[in-house]
N, C-alpha and C. Protein backbone atom coordinates (compact mmCIF):
# COMPACT_ATOMS: atom_id res chain seq x y z
N MET A 1 10.75 -69.72 -21.45
CA MET A 1 9.89 -68.64 -21.87
C MET A 1 10.37 -68.18 -23.25
N ASP A 2 9.61 -68.48 -24.29
CA ASP A 2 10.00 -68.16 -25.65
C ASP A 2 9.60 -66.77 -26.09
N LYS A 3 8.44 -66.29 -25.64
CA LYS A 3 7.91 -65.03 -26.14
C LYS A 3 7.78 -64.02 -25.01
N MET A 4 8.26 -62.80 -25.26
CA MET A 4 8.12 -61.72 -24.29
C MET A 4 7.01 -60.80 -24.77
N ASN A 5 6.14 -60.39 -23.86
CA ASN A 5 5.06 -59.47 -24.20
C ASN A 5 5.40 -58.08 -23.71
N LYS A 6 5.07 -57.09 -24.54
CA LYS A 6 5.32 -55.70 -24.21
C LYS A 6 4.22 -55.21 -23.27
N VAL A 7 4.59 -54.37 -22.31
CA VAL A 7 3.62 -53.78 -21.40
C VAL A 7 4.00 -52.32 -21.17
N VAL A 8 2.98 -51.48 -21.07
CA VAL A 8 3.18 -50.07 -20.74
C VAL A 8 2.50 -49.85 -19.39
N TYR A 9 3.29 -49.48 -18.40
CA TYR A 9 2.79 -49.22 -17.06
C TYR A 9 2.43 -47.74 -16.96
N VAL A 10 1.21 -47.45 -16.50
CA VAL A 10 0.74 -46.07 -16.35
C VAL A 10 0.38 -45.85 -14.89
N TYR A 11 0.94 -44.81 -14.30
CA TYR A 11 0.59 -44.42 -12.94
C TYR A 11 0.04 -43.01 -12.99
N LEU A 12 -1.24 -42.85 -12.63
CA LEU A 12 -1.85 -41.53 -12.59
C LEU A 12 -1.45 -40.88 -11.26
N VAL A 13 -0.61 -39.87 -11.34
CA VAL A 13 -0.02 -39.26 -10.16
C VAL A 13 -1.08 -38.69 -9.23
N PHE A 14 -2.01 -37.90 -9.77
CA PHE A 14 -2.98 -37.22 -8.93
C PHE A 14 -4.06 -38.15 -8.40
N GLU A 15 -4.36 -39.21 -9.13
CA GLU A 15 -5.38 -40.17 -8.70
C GLU A 15 -4.76 -41.34 -7.94
N LYS A 16 -3.45 -41.46 -7.98
CA LYS A 16 -2.72 -42.56 -7.33
C LYS A 16 -3.27 -43.93 -7.75
N LYS A 17 -3.38 -44.13 -9.08
CA LYS A 17 -3.88 -45.38 -9.63
C LYS A 17 -2.88 -45.95 -10.63
N ASP A 18 -2.76 -47.27 -10.64
CA ASP A 18 -1.88 -47.99 -11.56
C ASP A 18 -2.69 -48.67 -12.65
N TYR A 19 -2.15 -48.66 -13.87
CA TYR A 19 -2.77 -49.36 -15.00
C TYR A 19 -1.66 -50.01 -15.81
N PHE A 20 -2.01 -51.09 -16.49
CA PHE A 20 -1.08 -51.78 -17.38
C PHE A 20 -1.74 -51.97 -18.73
N PHE A 21 -1.03 -51.62 -19.81
CA PHE A 21 -1.58 -51.70 -21.16
C PHE A 21 -0.57 -52.38 -22.08
N GLY A 22 -1.08 -52.89 -23.20
CA GLY A 22 -0.22 -53.54 -24.18
C GLY A 22 0.41 -52.58 -25.16
N SER A 23 -0.09 -51.34 -25.21
CA SER A 23 0.46 -50.33 -26.12
C SER A 23 0.03 -48.95 -25.65
N ILE A 24 0.67 -47.93 -26.19
CA ILE A 24 0.26 -46.57 -25.86
C ILE A 24 -1.15 -46.30 -26.39
N ALA A 25 -1.47 -46.82 -27.56
CA ALA A 25 -2.81 -46.62 -28.13
C ALA A 25 -3.88 -47.21 -27.21
N ALA A 26 -3.60 -48.33 -26.56
CA ALA A 26 -4.58 -48.97 -25.68
C ALA A 26 -4.90 -48.11 -24.46
N ILE A 27 -3.99 -47.25 -24.07
CA ILE A 27 -4.25 -46.35 -22.94
C ILE A 27 -5.52 -45.55 -23.20
N TYR A 28 -5.67 -45.07 -24.42
CA TYR A 28 -6.79 -44.18 -24.75
C TYR A 28 -8.09 -44.92 -24.99
N ASP A 29 -8.07 -46.25 -24.96
CA ASP A 29 -9.32 -47.02 -24.96
C ASP A 29 -9.97 -46.99 -23.59
N HIS A 30 -9.19 -46.72 -22.55
CA HIS A 30 -9.68 -46.77 -21.17
C HIS A 30 -9.59 -45.44 -20.43
N LEU A 31 -8.67 -44.58 -20.83
CA LEU A 31 -8.47 -43.30 -20.17
C LEU A 31 -8.57 -42.17 -21.19
N SER A 32 -9.05 -41.03 -20.73
CA SER A 32 -9.14 -39.87 -21.64
C SER A 32 -7.80 -39.14 -21.67
N ALA A 33 -7.62 -38.32 -22.69
CA ALA A 33 -6.41 -37.51 -22.79
C ALA A 33 -6.30 -36.56 -21.60
N GLU A 34 -7.45 -36.12 -21.08
CA GLU A 34 -7.45 -35.24 -19.91
C GLU A 34 -6.93 -35.97 -18.67
N GLN A 35 -7.31 -37.23 -18.50
CA GLN A 35 -6.81 -38.01 -17.37
C GLN A 35 -5.31 -38.26 -17.49
N VAL A 36 -4.87 -38.56 -18.69
CA VAL A 36 -3.46 -38.84 -18.93
C VAL A 36 -2.63 -37.56 -18.87
N GLY A 37 -3.22 -36.47 -19.29
CA GLY A 37 -2.51 -35.19 -19.29
C GLY A 37 -1.80 -34.92 -20.60
N ALA A 38 -2.02 -35.79 -21.60
CA ALA A 38 -1.38 -35.62 -22.90
C ALA A 38 -2.10 -36.50 -23.91
N GLY A 39 -2.05 -36.09 -25.17
CA GLY A 39 -2.62 -36.88 -26.25
C GLY A 39 -1.66 -37.97 -26.70
N TYR A 40 -2.15 -38.84 -27.55
CA TYR A 40 -1.38 -39.99 -28.04
C TYR A 40 -0.05 -39.56 -28.64
N HIS A 41 -0.07 -38.63 -29.57
CA HIS A 41 1.17 -38.22 -30.26
C HIS A 41 2.12 -37.50 -29.31
N THR A 42 1.58 -36.79 -28.36
CA THR A 42 2.43 -36.11 -27.38
C THR A 42 3.24 -37.11 -26.57
N LEU A 43 2.61 -38.22 -26.18
CA LEU A 43 3.36 -39.22 -25.41
C LEU A 43 4.54 -39.77 -26.19
N TRP A 44 4.36 -39.96 -27.49
CA TRP A 44 5.47 -40.44 -28.31
C TRP A 44 6.57 -39.39 -28.40
N ASN A 45 6.19 -38.11 -28.46
CA ASN A 45 7.18 -37.06 -28.67
C ASN A 45 7.92 -36.65 -27.40
N VAL A 46 7.28 -36.65 -26.25
CA VAL A 46 7.94 -36.20 -25.03
C VAL A 46 8.60 -37.34 -24.26
N ARG A 47 8.40 -38.55 -24.71
CA ARG A 47 9.01 -39.73 -24.08
C ARG A 47 8.58 -39.87 -22.62
N TRP A 48 7.34 -39.53 -22.30
CA TRP A 48 6.68 -39.84 -21.04
C TRP A 48 7.19 -39.09 -19.82
N LYS A 49 7.82 -37.95 -19.99
CA LYS A 49 8.38 -37.28 -18.82
C LYS A 49 7.67 -36.00 -18.43
N GLU A 50 6.94 -35.37 -19.33
CA GLU A 50 6.36 -34.06 -19.05
C GLU A 50 4.84 -34.12 -18.88
N THR A 51 4.32 -35.20 -18.35
CA THR A 51 2.88 -35.34 -18.17
C THR A 51 2.58 -35.62 -16.71
N SER A 52 1.30 -35.65 -16.37
CA SER A 52 0.91 -35.92 -14.99
C SER A 52 0.78 -37.41 -14.71
N VAL A 53 1.34 -38.23 -15.58
CA VAL A 53 1.34 -39.67 -15.38
C VAL A 53 2.77 -40.18 -15.48
N ILE A 54 3.00 -41.35 -14.95
CA ILE A 54 4.29 -42.02 -15.09
C ILE A 54 4.07 -43.22 -15.98
N LEU A 55 4.76 -43.27 -17.11
CA LEU A 55 4.66 -44.39 -18.04
C LEU A 55 6.01 -45.09 -18.08
N ARG A 56 5.97 -46.41 -17.97
CA ARG A 56 7.20 -47.18 -18.04
C ARG A 56 6.99 -48.35 -18.99
N PRO A 57 7.57 -48.27 -20.17
CA PRO A 57 7.48 -49.42 -21.06
C PRO A 57 8.40 -50.53 -20.56
N GLY A 58 7.98 -51.75 -20.74
CA GLY A 58 8.79 -52.88 -20.29
C GLY A 58 8.32 -54.17 -20.93
N LEU A 59 8.83 -55.28 -20.45
CA LEU A 59 8.47 -56.60 -20.97
C LEU A 59 7.87 -57.43 -19.86
N LEU A 60 6.92 -58.28 -20.23
CA LEU A 60 6.35 -59.25 -19.29
C LEU A 60 6.98 -60.59 -19.54
């Protein structure tokens, strides 16, 4: 395996749904800021801990 792909795992706590995205920006192509509980820049600043979703960056 030569190339690793980045993935951002999103779990909507209140909806109990899992999503996988290639970037934080891609989250907002499919989910609203209201669903996520935070805007794009907020996710970068709070490091994914103070929202109603669970985000886990990782590699595929």
